[in-house]
Protein backbone atom coordinates (compact mmCIF):
# COMPACT_ATOMS: atom_id res chain seq x y z
CA MET A 1 54.00 1.02 16.30
CA LEU A 2 56.65 -1.19 14.71
CA GLU A 3 58.52 -1.22 18.02
CA LYS A 4 55.50 -2.74 19.74
CA MET A 5 55.29 -5.47 17.11
CA LYS A 6 58.88 -6.44 17.90
CA SER A 7 58.26 -6.66 21.65
CA ARG A 8 58.44 -9.99 23.43
CA LYS A 9 54.96 -9.44 24.86
CA PHE A 10 53.46 -9.00 21.40
CA ILE A 11 55.34 -11.96 19.93
CA ALA A 12 54.32 -14.20 22.85
CA THR A 13 50.68 -13.14 22.45
CA MET A 14 50.76 -13.79 18.70
CA MET A 15 52.35 -17.21 19.17
CA THR A 16 49.71 -18.08 21.76
CA ASN A 17 46.99 -17.02 19.32
CA ILE A 18 48.51 -19.00 16.45
CA ILE A 19 48.82 -22.15 18.55
CA ALA A 20 45.29 -21.73 19.95
CA VAL A 21 43.80 -21.20 16.48
CA ALA A 22 45.69 -24.23 15.14
CA THR A 23 44.38 -26.25 18.08
CA LEU A 24 40.88 -24.93 17.50
CA PHE A 25 40.83 -26.15 13.91
CA THR A 26 42.58 -29.47 14.52
CA ALA A 27 40.50 -30.56 17.51
CA ASN A 28 38.11 -32.69 15.50
CA GLU A 29 34.76 -32.73 17.26
CA ASN A 30 36.37 -32.35 20.69
CA VAL A 31 34.29 -29.48 22.03
CA THR A 32 36.24 -29.22 25.30
CA ILE A 33 39.51 -28.58 23.49
CA GLN A 34 37.83 -26.06 21.18
CA ILE A 35 36.40 -24.14 24.14
CA ILE A 36 39.79 -24.14 25.88
CA ALA A 37 41.41 -22.81 22.68
CA LEU A 38 38.84 -19.99 22.42
CA VAL A 39 39.27 -19.06 26.08
CA THR A 40 43.05 -19.06 25.63
CA ILE A 41 42.78 -16.65 22.69
CA GLY A 42 40.54 -14.33 24.69
CA ILE A 43 42.64 -14.37 27.84
CA ALA A 44 45.92 -13.85 25.96
CA ASN A 45 44.55 -10.80 24.17
CA ILE A 46 42.95 -9.31 27.27
CA VAL A 47 46.14 -9.72 29.32
CA TYR A 48 48.25 -8.22 26.52
CA GLY A 49 45.88 -5.26 26.26
CA ILE A 50 45.97 -4.62 30.00
CA VAL A 51 49.75 -4.91 30.26
CA GLN A 52 50.45 -2.78 27.19
CA GLY A 53 47.87 -0.22 28.29
CA THR A 54 49.51 0.07 31.71
CA ILE A 55 52.94 0.52 30.15
CA ASP A 56 51.62 3.14 27.72
CA ALA A 57 49.81 4.98 30.52
CA LYS A 58 53.01 5.19 32.56
CA ALA A 59 54.94 6.47 29.54
CA ILE A 60 52.31 9.14 28.89
CA ALA A 61 52.23 10.16 32.55
CA THR A 62 56.01 10.53 32.53
CA GLN A 63 55.91 12.66 29.38
CA VAL A 64 53.11 14.84 30.76
CA SER A 65 55.06 15.34 33.97
CA LYS A 66 58.20 16.34 32.04
CA THR A 67 56.23 18.76 29.89
CA ALA A 68 54.54 20.29 32.94
CA ASP A 69 57.93 20.72 34.63
CA GLU A 70 59.34 22.42 31.52
CA ILE A 71 56.37 24.79 31.33
CA GLU A 72 56.61 25.54 35.04
CA SER A 73 60.33 26.30 34.83
CA LYS A 74 59.71 28.80 32.01
CA LEU A 75 57.11 30.74 33.99
């Protein structure tokens, strides 16, 4: 888990969120900017989730394949 928190993807997503939240709270009565900030937060998190999920799925598939090969070789 700590490795994922050190990844460039995670850091970029967190920085995007921090900047968007700061923008959200400093955009005094400018509704357009506030909406853009909220959309940015949502999109950044969705994209991070999809990318990290894809990477994790490939890692799991590789591990399952290796385990299946090991079991097959022992039979």
